[in-house]
Amino acid sequence: MSSMAPKKPTGLKARREARAWKAEMELRTYRPEQLLNPAELLAQFTERARELLEQVPDAHRPSSAEVTSALRQAVLEAFRTREQYVARLVETDVTGWEAGTSAMSLRRAIRTSLVDSGVRVVESSDEREHFVVVEGEGDGFEVVRPAYVDQATGKLILSGQLRRVFVPGQRADGETGVQDATTTEEKP
């Protein structure tokens, strides 16, 4: 008979995983020279647009100033959109780092951020057009993963997943589990 006590957790595995994750994040970190520069990006787009416009007949060709203005507006709008997106991610990350944040609080923060960003989260199996059935048997459905829909366009961002389930009160053969009162016999 061995009297070896079970090993007590020392946290060594968790510390190793944390170091590995930190090292991976360091490799993923953008360096300043890799960040997008709006002026350089605009210059590249403008040059390419000029090349393309040379192929358009003179009668239909917009002026160089019009092209530059349209491209400048598009680049600035893209950077504003990126800034809003990054700000949402940062808000979510901050919520996760706050002391005492529970998993439920983090999920609520993420959901709030999605709704504020114009994403509708569909958690009702009644809207089956937003879901795919992934498993199960039966006539009923339960949501395995919600669906995500862009409220502005109505476009599906990510399909939800449904599991087929048996409806309470029904047997596997589709019959109801309740007997008809007219077919039961009374016993004396």
N, C-alpha and C. Protein backbone atom coordinates (compact mmCIF):
# COMPACT_ATOMS: atom_id res chain seq x y z
N MET A 1 0.82 -1.17 0.00
CA MET A 1 0.00 0.00 0.00
C MET A 1 0.88 1.25 0.00
N SER A 2 0.62 2.10 -0.95
CA SER A 2 1.42 3.31 -1.08
C SER A 2 0.75 4.44 -0.33
N SER A 3 1.51 5.13 0.45
CA SER A 3 0.95 6.23 1.24
C SER A 3 1.28 7.57 0.61
N MET A 4 1.45 7.57 -0.71
CA MET A 4 1.78 8.83 -1.39
C MET A 4 0.54 9.70 -1.45
N ALA A 5 0.66 10.88 -0.96
CA ALA A 5 -0.44 11.84 -1.01
C ALA A 5 -0.50 12.45 -2.41
N PRO A 6 -1.70 12.82 -2.85
CA PRO A 6 -1.80 13.45 -4.17
C PRO A 6 -1.00 14.75 -4.20
N LYS A 7 -0.46 15.05 -5.36
CA LYS A 7 0.33 16.28 -5.51
C LYS A 7 -0.55 17.50 -5.29
N LYS A 8 0.00 18.44 -4.56
CA LYS A 8 -0.71 19.70 -4.35
C LYS A 8 -0.39 20.61 -5.53
N PRO A 9 -1.37 21.38 -5.95
CA PRO A 9 -1.10 22.29 -7.06
C PRO A 9 -0.10 23.37 -6.63
N THR A 10 0.89 23.58 -7.45
CA THR A 10 1.92 24.58 -7.14
C THR A 10 1.79 25.82 -8.00
N GLY A 11 1.02 25.73 -9.05
CA GLY A 11 0.87 26.86 -9.95
C GLY A 11 1.94 26.91 -11.02
N LEU A 12 2.84 25.93 -11.03
CA LEU A 12 3.93 25.92 -12.01
C LEU A 12 3.38 25.87 -13.43
N LYS A 13 2.39 25.01 -13.65
CA LYS A 13 1.81 24.89 -14.98
C LYS A 13 1.15 26.20 -15.41
N ALA A 14 0.41 26.82 -14.49
CA ALA A 14 -0.26 28.09 -14.81
C ALA A 14 0.77 29.18 -15.12
N ARG A 15 1.87 29.23 -14.36
CA ARG A 15 2.91 30.24 -14.61
C ARG A 15 3.58 30.01 -15.96
N ARG A 16 3.83 28.74 -16.31
CA ARG A 16 4.43 28.43 -17.62
C ARG A 16 3.50 28.86 -18.75
N GLU A 17 2.22 28.54 -18.62
CA GLU A 17 1.25 28.93 -19.65
C GLU A 17 1.16 30.45 -19.76
N ALA A 18 1.21 31.14 -18.63
CA ALA A 18 1.14 32.60 -18.66
C ALA A 18 2.37 33.19 -19.35
N ARG A 19 3.57 32.63 -19.07
CA ARG A 19 4.79 33.10 -19.73
C ARG A 19 4.73 32.84 -21.24
N ALA A 20 4.25 31.67 -21.62
CA ALA A 20 4.15 31.33 -23.05
C ALA A 20 3.18 32.26 -23.76
N TRP A 21 2.06 32.56 -23.11
CA TRP A 21 1.06 33.46 -23.70
C TRP A 21 1.66 34.85 -23.85
N LYS A 22 2.36 35.32 -22.82
CA LYS A 22 2.96 36.65 -22.86
C LYS A 22 3.99 36.74 -23.98
N ALA A 23 4.80 35.69 -24.14
CA ALA A 23 5.80 35.67 -25.21
C ALA A 23 5.12 35.70 -26.58
N GLU A 24 4.03 34.96 -26.73
CA GLU A 24 3.30 34.96 -28.00
C GLU A 24 2.71 36.33 -28.29
N MET A 25 2.17 36.99 -27.27
CA MET A 25 1.60 38.32 -27.47
C MET A 25 2.68 39.32 -27.86
N GLU A 26 3.88 39.16 -27.30
CA GLU A 26 4.98 40.05 -27.65
C GLU A 26 5.33 39.90 -29.13
N LEU A 27 5.31 38.68 -29.63
CA LEU A 27 5.59 38.45 -31.05
C LEU A 27 4.51 39.05 -31.93
N ARG A 28 3.28 39.08 -31.44
CA ARG A 28 2.16 39.61 -32.22
C ARG A 28 2.07 41.12 -32.18
N THR A 29 2.77 41.76 -31.26
CA THR A 29 2.67 43.20 -31.09
C THR A 29 3.22 43.92 -32.31
N TYR A 30 2.47 44.88 -32.81
CA TYR A 30 2.92 45.67 -33.96
C TYR A 30 4.03 46.61 -33.53
N ARG A 31 4.96 46.79 -34.39
CA ARG A 31 6.03 47.75 -34.16
C ARG A 31 5.60 49.07 -34.79
N PRO A 32 6.08 50.20 -34.29
CA PRO A 32 5.65 51.49 -34.85
C PRO A 32 5.83 51.61 -36.36
N GLU A 33 6.90 51.02 -36.88
CA GLU A 33 7.13 51.12 -38.33
C GLU A 33 6.12 50.31 -39.13
N GLN A 34 5.37 49.42 -38.45
CA GLN A 34 4.38 48.61 -39.14
C GLN A 34 2.99 49.26 -39.15
N LEU A 35 2.81 50.26 -38.32
CA LEU A 35 1.49 50.90 -38.24
C LEU A 35 1.18 51.65 -39.53
N LEU A 36 -0.08 51.69 -39.86
CA LEU A 36 -0.50 52.38 -41.07
C LEU A 36 -0.32 53.88 -40.92
N ASN A 37 0.18 54.49 -41.95
CA ASN A 37 0.37 55.93 -41.98
C ASN A 37 -0.64 56.50 -42.97
N PRO A 38 -1.61 57.30 -42.50
CA PRO A 38 -2.65 57.81 -43.42
C PRO A 38 -2.09 58.56 -44.62
N ALA A 39 -1.07 59.37 -44.43
CA ALA A 39 -0.52 60.14 -45.55
C ALA A 39 0.10 59.22 -46.61
N GLU A 40 0.86 58.21 -46.15
CA GLU A 40 1.47 57.27 -47.10
C GLU A 40 0.40 56.45 -47.82
N LEU A 41 -0.60 56.02 -47.06
CA LEU A 41 -1.68 55.25 -47.65
C LEU A 41 -2.42 56.06 -48.71
N LEU A 42 -2.71 57.32 -48.40
CA LEU A 42 -3.39 58.18 -49.34
C LEU A 42 -2.55 58.39 -50.60
N ALA A 43 -1.25 58.55 -50.45
CA ALA A 43 -0.37 58.73 -51.61
C ALA A 43 -0.39 57.49 -52.50
N GLN A 44 -0.35 56.30 -51.87
CA GLN A 44 -0.39 55.06 -52.64
C GLN A 44 -1.72 54.93 -53.40
N PHE A 45 -2.84 55.21 -52.72
CA PHE A 45 -4.15 55.12 -53.36
C PHE A 45 -4.26 56.13 -54.49
N THR A 46 -3.79 57.34 -54.27
CA THR A 46 -3.88 58.39 -55.29
C THR A 46 -3.09 58.01 -56.54
N GLU A 47 -1.89 57.49 -56.34
CA GLU A 47 -1.07 57.07 -57.48
C GLU A 47 -1.76 55.97 -58.28
N ARG A 48 -2.31 55.00 -57.58
CA ARG A 48 -3.00 53.88 -58.26
C ARG A 48 -4.25 54.39 -58.97
N ALA A 49 -4.97 55.32 -58.35
CA ALA A 49 -6.17 55.87 -58.97
C ALA A 49 -5.82 56.63 -60.25
N ARG A 50 -4.72 57.36 -60.23
CA ARG A 50 -4.29 58.09 -61.44
C ARG A 50 -3.98 57.12 -62.58
N GLU A 51 -3.33 56.02 -62.23
CA GLU A 51 -3.02 55.00 -63.25
C GLU A 51 -4.31 54.44 -63.85
N LEU A 52 -5.28 54.17 -63.03
CA LEU A 52 -6.55 53.62 -63.51
C LEU A 52 -7.33 54.66 -64.32
N LEU A 53 -7.29 55.91 -63.89
CA LEU A 53 -8.04 56.96 -64.59
C LEU A 53 -7.48 57.27 -65.98
N GLU A 54 -6.22 57.00 -66.19
CA GLU A 54 -5.63 57.23 -67.51
C GLU A 54 -6.27 56.33 -68.56
N GLN A 55 -6.89 55.24 -68.10
CA GLN A 55 -7.55 54.31 -69.02
C GLN A 55 -8.98 54.75 -69.34
N VAL A 56 -9.50 55.74 -68.61
CA VAL A 56 -10.87 56.21 -68.82
C VAL A 56 -10.85 57.32 -69.87
N PRO A 57 -11.82 57.32 -70.80
CA PRO A 57 -11.87 58.39 -71.81
C PRO A 57 -11.97 59.78 -71.17
N ASP A 58 -11.38 60.79 -71.83
CA ASP A 58 -11.34 62.15 -71.29
C ASP A 58 -12.72 62.68 -70.93
N ALA A 59 -13.73 62.35 -71.69
CA ALA A 59 -15.08 62.87 -71.45
C ALA A 59 -15.66 62.38 -70.13
N HIS A 60 -15.23 61.24 -69.66
CA HIS A 60 -15.79 60.65 -68.43
C HIS A 60 -14.82 60.71 -67.25
N ARG A 61 -13.66 61.28 -67.47
CA ARG A 61 -12.60 61.27 -66.44
C ARG A 61 -12.83 62.41 -65.43
N PRO A 62 -12.89 62.07 -64.12
CA PRO A 62 -12.99 63.14 -63.11
C PRO A 62 -11.65 63.85 -62.97
N SER A 63 -11.69 65.02 -62.39
CA SER A 63 -10.44 65.78 -62.24
C SER A 63 -9.58 65.14 -61.15
N SER A 64 -8.32 65.46 -61.18
CA SER A 64 -7.37 64.94 -60.20
C SER A 64 -7.76 65.38 -58.79
N ALA A 65 -8.24 66.62 -58.67
CA ALA A 65 -8.65 67.13 -57.36
C ALA A 65 -9.84 66.35 -56.81
N GLU A 66 -10.79 65.99 -57.69
CA GLU A 66 -11.95 65.21 -57.25
C GLU A 66 -11.54 63.83 -56.76
N VAL A 67 -10.62 63.22 -57.48
CA VAL A 67 -10.14 61.89 -57.09
C VAL A 67 -9.41 61.96 -55.75
N THR A 68 -8.52 62.92 -55.61
CA THR A 68 -7.77 63.08 -54.36
C THR A 68 -8.70 63.35 -53.19
N SER A 69 -9.70 64.17 -53.40
CA SER A 69 -10.66 64.49 -52.34
C SER A 69 -11.46 63.26 -51.92
N ALA A 70 -11.92 62.50 -52.90
CA ALA A 70 -12.70 61.29 -52.59
C ALA A 70 -11.84 60.26 -51.86
N LEU A 71 -10.61 60.09 -52.31
CA LEU A 71 -9.71 59.14 -51.64
C LEU A 71 -9.36 59.61 -50.23
N ARG A 72 -9.11 60.91 -50.06
CA ARG A 72 -8.80 61.43 -48.73
C ARG A 72 -9.96 61.15 -47.77
N GLN A 73 -11.16 61.40 -48.23
CA GLN A 73 -12.34 61.17 -47.40
C GLN A 73 -12.47 59.68 -47.05
N ALA A 74 -12.22 58.80 -48.00
CA ALA A 74 -12.32 57.36 -47.76
C ALA A 74 -11.26 56.89 -46.76
N VAL A 75 -10.04 57.38 -46.89
CA VAL A 75 -8.96 56.99 -45.97
C VAL A 75 -9.27 57.48 -44.57
N LEU A 76 -9.71 58.72 -44.43
CA LEU A 76 -10.04 59.26 -43.11
C LEU A 76 -11.19 58.49 -42.46
N GLU A 77 -12.18 58.16 -43.25
CA GLU A 77 -13.31 57.39 -42.73
C GLU A 77 -12.88 56.00 -42.28
N ALA A 78 -11.99 55.38 -43.04
CA ALA A 78 -11.48 54.06 -42.67
C ALA A 78 -10.70 54.13 -41.35
N PHE A 79 -9.91 55.18 -41.17
CA PHE A 79 -9.17 55.31 -39.92
C PHE A 79 -10.10 55.61 -38.75
N ARG A 80 -11.14 56.40 -38.95
CA ARG A 80 -12.12 56.64 -37.87
C ARG A 80 -12.82 55.35 -37.48
N THR A 81 -13.18 54.55 -38.48
CA THR A 81 -13.82 53.27 -38.20
C THR A 81 -12.89 52.36 -37.42
N ARG A 82 -11.64 52.32 -37.81
CA ARG A 82 -10.66 51.49 -37.10
C ARG A 82 -10.51 51.97 -35.66
N GLU A 83 -10.45 53.29 -35.45
CA GLU A 83 -10.32 53.83 -34.09
C GLU A 83 -11.51 53.43 -33.22
N GLN A 84 -12.72 53.48 -33.79
CA GLN A 84 -13.91 53.08 -33.03
C GLN A 84 -13.85 51.60 -32.69
N TYR A 85 -13.43 50.79 -33.62
CA TYR A 85 -13.33 49.35 -33.41
C TYR A 85 -12.31 49.05 -32.31
N VAL A 86 -11.14 49.65 -32.40
CA VAL A 86 -10.10 49.42 -31.40
C VAL A 86 -10.56 49.91 -30.03
N ALA A 87 -11.25 51.04 -29.98
CA ALA A 87 -11.76 51.56 -28.69
C ALA A 87 -12.72 50.57 -28.05
N ARG A 88 -13.58 49.94 -28.82
CA ARG A 88 -14.51 48.92 -28.29
C ARG A 88 -13.74 47.73 -27.74
N LEU A 89 -12.73 47.28 -28.46
CA LEU A 89 -11.93 46.16 -27.97
C LEU A 89 -11.23 46.51 -26.66
N VAL A 90 -10.70 47.73 -26.58
CA VAL A 90 -10.02 48.17 -25.37
C VAL A 90 -11.00 48.22 -24.19
N GLU A 91 -12.20 48.76 -24.42
CA GLU A 91 -13.20 48.80 -23.35
C GLU A 91 -13.50 47.41 -22.83
N THR A 92 -13.62 46.45 -23.72
CA THR A 92 -13.90 45.08 -23.33
C THR A 92 -12.74 44.49 -22.54
N ASP A 93 -11.52 44.74 -23.00
CA ASP A 93 -10.35 44.23 -22.30
C ASP A 93 -10.23 44.84 -20.90
N VAL A 94 -10.50 46.14 -20.78
CA VAL A 94 -10.44 46.80 -19.48
C VAL A 94 -11.44 46.18 -18.52
N THR A 95 -12.62 45.88 -19.00
CA THR A 95 -13.63 45.25 -18.16
C THR A 95 -13.12 43.92 -17.62
N GLY A 96 -12.44 43.17 -18.44
CA GLY A 96 -11.91 41.88 -18.01
C GLY A 96 -10.80 41.99 -16.98
N TRP A 97 -10.08 43.12 -16.98
CA TRP A 97 -8.96 43.29 -16.06
C TRP A 97 -9.37 43.94 -14.74
N GLU A 98 -10.58 44.46 -14.67
CA GLU A 98 -11.00 45.09 -13.42
C GLU A 98 -11.07 44.05 -12.32
N ALA A 99 -10.66 44.46 -11.14
CA ALA A 99 -10.64 43.55 -9.99
C ALA A 99 -12.05 43.04 -9.70
N GLY A 100 -12.15 41.75 -9.50
CA GLY A 100 -13.43 41.16 -9.13
C GLY A 100 -14.40 40.97 -10.28
N THR A 101 -13.94 41.11 -11.50
CA THR A 101 -14.84 40.94 -12.65
C THR A 101 -15.15 39.46 -12.81
N SER A 102 -16.43 39.17 -12.76
CA SER A 102 -16.84 37.78 -12.96
C SER A 102 -17.02 37.51 -14.45
N ALA A 103 -17.10 36.24 -14.77
CA ALA A 103 -17.32 35.87 -16.17
C ALA A 103 -18.64 36.46 -16.68
N MET A 104 -19.65 36.48 -15.83
CA MET A 104 -20.95 37.03 -16.24
C MET A 104 -20.84 38.53 -16.53
N SER A 105 -20.09 39.25 -15.70
CA SER A 105 -19.90 40.69 -15.94
C SER A 105 -19.18 40.93 -17.26
N LEU A 106 -18.19 40.11 -17.55
CA LEU A 106 -17.46 40.24 -18.81
C LEU A 106 -18.37 39.95 -19.99
N ARG A 107 -19.17 38.91 -19.88
CA ARG A 107 -20.11 38.57 -20.97
C ARG A 107 -21.09 39.71 -21.20
N ARG A 108 -21.57 40.30 -20.11
CA ARG A 108 -22.51 41.43 -20.25
C ARG A 108 -21.84 42.63 -20.91
N ALA A 109 -20.58 42.89 -20.55
CA ALA A 109 -19.86 44.00 -21.16
C ALA A 109 -19.67 43.77 -22.65
N ILE A 110 -19.33 42.55 -23.01
CA ILE A 110 -19.16 42.22 -24.43
C ILE A 110 -20.48 42.38 -25.17
N ARG A 111 -21.55 41.88 -24.58
CA ARG A 111 -22.87 41.98 -25.23
C ARG A 111 -23.28 43.44 -25.38
N THR A 112 -23.04 44.25 -24.36
CA THR A 112 -23.37 45.68 -24.43
C THR A 112 -22.59 46.34 -25.55
N SER A 113 -21.31 45.99 -25.66
CA SER A 113 -20.48 46.55 -26.71
C SER A 113 -21.00 46.16 -28.09
N LEU A 114 -21.42 44.92 -28.24
CA LEU A 114 -21.98 44.47 -29.52
C LEU A 114 -23.25 45.23 -29.88
N VAL A 115 -24.15 45.35 -28.92
CA VAL A 115 -25.42 46.04 -29.17
C VAL A 115 -25.16 47.51 -29.49
N ASP A 116 -24.26 48.15 -28.73
CA ASP A 116 -23.92 49.55 -28.99
C ASP A 116 -23.29 49.73 -30.37
N SER A 117 -22.66 48.67 -30.88
CA SER A 117 -22.02 48.73 -32.20
C SER A 117 -22.98 48.39 -33.33
N GLY A 118 -24.24 48.11 -32.99
CA GLY A 118 -25.22 47.82 -34.03
C GLY A 118 -25.34 46.36 -34.40
N VAL A 119 -24.93 45.48 -33.50
CA VAL A 119 -25.04 44.04 -33.75
C VAL A 119 -26.22 43.51 -32.95
N ARG A 120 -27.13 42.83 -33.63
CA ARG A 120 -28.26 42.19 -32.95
C ARG A 120 -27.88 40.74 -32.69
N VAL A 121 -28.03 40.33 -31.42
CA VAL A 121 -27.71 38.96 -31.04
C VAL A 121 -29.03 38.20 -30.99
N VAL A 122 -29.14 37.17 -31.83
CA VAL A 122 -30.37 36.39 -31.92
C VAL A 122 -30.21 35.12 -31.10
N GLU A 123 -31.02 35.01 -30.05
CA GLU A 123 -30.93 33.85 -29.17
C GLU A 123 -32.22 33.03 -29.17
N SER A 124 -33.11 33.35 -30.08
CA SER A 124 -34.38 32.63 -30.17
C SER A 124 -34.38 31.69 -31.36
N SER A 125 -34.69 30.44 -31.10
CA SER A 125 -34.71 29.46 -32.19
C SER A 125 -35.89 29.70 -33.14
N ASP A 126 -36.76 30.65 -32.81
CA ASP A 126 -37.89 30.99 -33.69
C ASP A 126 -37.41 31.63 -34.99
N GLU A 127 -36.25 32.27 -34.98
CA GLU A 127 -35.71 32.90 -36.18
C GLU A 127 -34.71 31.95 -36.84
N ARG A 128 -35.20 30.83 -37.33
CA ARG A 128 -34.34 29.75 -37.84
C ARG A 128 -33.52 30.13 -39.05
N GLU A 129 -33.92 31.19 -39.75
CA GLU A 129 -33.15 31.58 -40.94
C GLU A 129 -31.74 32.05 -40.58
N HIS A 130 -31.50 32.34 -39.31
CA HIS A 130 -30.18 32.79 -38.87
C HIS A 130 -29.33 31.66 -38.28
N PHE A 131 -29.84 30.43 -38.34
CA PHE A 131 -29.18 29.31 -37.67
C PHE A 131 -28.94 28.15 -38.61
N VAL A 132 -28.00 27.28 -38.20
CA VAL A 132 -27.81 25.98 -38.83
C VAL A 132 -27.99 24.93 -37.74
N VAL A 133 -28.60 23.80 -38.11
CA VAL A 133 -28.80 22.71 -37.16
C VAL A 133 -27.55 21.85 -37.18
N VAL A 134 -26.94 21.67 -36.00
CA VAL A 134 -25.66 20.97 -35.94
C VAL A 134 -25.74 19.57 -35.35
N GLU A 135 -26.80 19.26 -34.61
CA GLU A 135 -26.86 17.93 -33.99
C GLU A 135 -28.23 17.69 -33.40
N GLY A 136 -28.44 16.47 -32.94
CA GLY A 136 -29.63 16.12 -32.18
C GLY A 136 -30.73 15.51 -32.99
N GLU A 137 -31.77 15.11 -32.26
CA GLU A 137 -32.98 14.54 -32.84
C GLU A 137 -34.18 15.16 -32.15
N GLY A 138 -35.30 15.14 -32.81
CA GLY A 138 -36.53 15.64 -32.23
C GLY A 138 -37.12 16.75 -33.06
N ASP A 139 -38.28 17.23 -32.60
CA ASP A 139 -39.00 18.27 -33.33
C ASP A 139 -38.72 19.68 -32.80
N GLY A 140 -38.14 19.77 -31.62
CA GLY A 140 -37.85 21.08 -31.04
C GLY A 140 -36.41 21.48 -31.28
N PHE A 141 -36.09 22.72 -30.93
CA PHE A 141 -34.73 23.24 -31.11
C PHE A 141 -34.30 23.98 -29.86
N GLU A 142 -32.99 23.89 -29.57
CA GLU A 142 -32.42 24.74 -28.54
C GLU A 142 -31.17 25.38 -29.11
N VAL A 143 -30.90 26.59 -28.65
CA VAL A 143 -29.77 27.35 -29.18
C VAL A 143 -28.47 26.87 -28.53
N VAL A 144 -27.53 26.48 -29.38
CA VAL A 144 -26.19 26.09 -28.92
C VAL A 144 -25.30 27.33 -28.93
N ARG A 145 -25.41 28.14 -29.99
CA ARG A 145 -24.66 29.39 -30.12
C ARG A 145 -25.57 30.42 -30.78
N PRO A 146 -25.63 31.64 -30.25
CA PRO A 146 -26.50 32.65 -30.86
C PRO A 146 -26.02 33.06 -32.24
N ALA A 147 -26.90 33.69 -32.99
CA ALA A 147 -26.55 34.25 -34.30
C ALA A 147 -26.31 35.74 -34.11
N TYR A 148 -25.51 36.32 -35.00
CA TYR A 148 -25.18 37.74 -34.92
C TYR A 148 -25.53 38.39 -36.25
N VAL A 149 -26.33 39.47 -36.18
CA VAL A 149 -26.84 40.13 -37.37
C VAL A 149 -26.51 41.62 -37.30
N ASP A 150 -26.03 42.19 -38.40
CA ASP A 150 -25.76 43.62 -38.49
C ASP A 150 -27.11 44.34 -38.59
N GLN A 151 -27.41 45.18 -37.61
CA GLN A 151 -28.71 45.86 -37.60
C GLN A 151 -28.86 46.85 -38.74
N ALA A 152 -27.77 47.47 -39.16
CA ALA A 152 -27.86 48.47 -40.22
C ALA A 152 -28.18 47.86 -41.57
N THR A 153 -27.61 46.70 -41.86
CA THR A 153 -27.80 46.10 -43.18
C THR A 153 -28.70 44.87 -43.17
N GLY A 154 -28.92 44.29 -41.98
CA GLY A 154 -29.69 43.05 -41.89
C GLY A 154 -28.88 41.84 -42.29
N LYS A 155 -27.59 42.05 -42.56
CA LYS A 155 -26.71 40.98 -43.03
C LYS A 155 -26.27 40.10 -41.85
N LEU A 156 -26.26 38.80 -42.11
CA LEU A 156 -25.82 37.83 -41.11
C LEU A 156 -24.31 37.91 -40.96
N ILE A 157 -23.83 38.15 -39.74
CA ILE A 157 -22.39 38.22 -39.47
C ILE A 157 -21.85 36.82 -39.17
N LEU A 158 -22.57 36.10 -38.29
CA LEU A 158 -22.18 34.74 -37.92
C LEU A 158 -23.44 33.93 -37.66
N SER A 159 -23.56 32.80 -38.34
CA SER A 159 -24.73 31.93 -38.13
C SER A 159 -24.72 31.38 -36.72
N GLY A 160 -25.91 31.24 -36.17
CA GLY A 160 -26.05 30.58 -34.89
C GLY A 160 -26.12 29.08 -35.11
N GLN A 161 -26.08 28.33 -34.02
CA GLN A 161 -26.18 26.88 -34.11
C GLN A 161 -27.34 26.40 -33.24
N LEU A 162 -28.10 25.46 -33.79
CA LEU A 162 -29.22 24.86 -33.09
C LEU A 162 -28.98 23.38 -32.90
N ARG A 163 -29.53 22.86 -31.82
CA ARG A 163 -29.52 21.42 -31.55
C ARG A 163 -30.98 20.98 -31.56
N ARG A 164 -31.26 19.89 -32.27
CA ARG A 164 -32.60 19.32 -32.25
C ARG A 164 -32.80 18.64 -30.90
N VAL A 165 -33.99 18.83 -30.31
CA VAL A 165 -34.34 18.21 -29.03
C VAL A 165 -35.77 17.70 -29.11
N PHE A 166 -36.07 16.77 -28.24
CA PHE A 166 -37.44 16.28 -28.16
C PHE A 166 -38.26 17.28 -27.34
N VAL A 167 -39.44 17.56 -27.82
CA VAL A 167 -40.33 18.49 -27.14
C VAL A 167 -40.91 17.79 -25.91
N PRO A 168 -40.91 18.44 -24.75
CA PRO A 168 -41.50 17.82 -23.56
C PRO A 168 -42.93 17.38 -23.85
N GLY A 169 -43.25 16.18 -23.39
CA GLY A 169 -44.60 15.65 -23.62
C GLY A 169 -44.70 14.82 -24.88
N GLN A 170 -43.60 14.70 -25.62
CA GLN A 170 -43.60 13.86 -26.82
C GLN A 170 -42.55 12.78 -26.68
N ARG A 171 -42.85 11.63 -27.24
CA ARG A 171 -41.91 10.53 -27.22
C ARG A 171 -41.05 10.60 -28.47
N ALA A 172 -40.05 9.77 -28.52
CA ALA A 172 -39.12 9.76 -29.65
C ALA A 172 -39.81 9.44 -30.97
N ASP A 173 -40.94 8.69 -30.93
CA ASP A 173 -41.63 8.33 -32.16
C ASP A 173 -42.59 9.42 -32.63
N GLY A 174 -42.60 10.57 -31.93
CA GLY A 174 -43.46 11.68 -32.34
C GLY A 174 -44.83 11.66 -31.69
N GLU A 175 -45.16 10.58 -31.03
CA GLU A 175 -46.46 10.50 -30.35
C GLU A 175 -46.39 11.32 -29.08
N THR A 176 -47.55 11.82 -28.65
CA THR A 176 -47.57 12.53 -27.38
C THR A 176 -47.54 11.53 -26.25
N GLY A 177 -47.03 11.92 -25.14
CA GLY A 177 -46.93 11.04 -23.99
C GLY A 177 -48.22 11.01 -23.18
N VAL A 178 -49.19 11.79 -23.59
CA VAL A 178 -50.47 11.85 -22.86
C VAL A 178 -51.46 10.94 -23.54
N GLN A 179 -52.11 10.10 -22.77
CA GLN A 179 -53.12 9.21 -23.35
C GLN A 179 -54.42 9.96 -23.56
N ASP A 180 -55.13 9.57 -24.59
CA ASP A 180 -56.43 10.14 -24.87
C ASP A 180 -57.41 9.61 -23.84
N ALA A 181 -58.19 10.46 -23.22
CA ALA A 181 -59.12 10.07 -22.15
C ALA A 181 -60.21 9.13 -22.66
N THR A 182 -60.53 9.16 -23.93
CA THR A 182 -61.60 8.32 -24.45
C THR A 182 -61.15 6.89 -24.67
N THR A 183 -59.84 6.63 -24.69
CA THR A 183 -59.36 5.28 -24.95
C THR A 183 -58.99 4.53 -23.68
N THR A 184 -58.98 5.19 -22.58
CA THR A 184 -58.61 4.50 -21.34
C THR A 184 -59.82 3.81 -20.74
N GLU A 185 -59.58 2.67 -20.19
CA GLU A 185 -60.65 1.92 -19.55
C GLU A 185 -60.59 2.15 -18.07
N GLU A 186 -61.76 2.24 -17.47
CA GLU A 186 -61.80 2.39 -16.02
C GLU A 186 -61.82 1.03 -15.41
N LYS A 187 -61.06 0.85 -14.36
CA LYS A 187 -61.05 -0.41 -13.64
C LYS A 187 -61.87 -0.26 -12.39
N PRO A 188 -62.64 -1.33 -12.07
CA PRO A 188 -63.47 -1.25 -10.87
C PRO A 188 -62.71 -1.21 -9.60
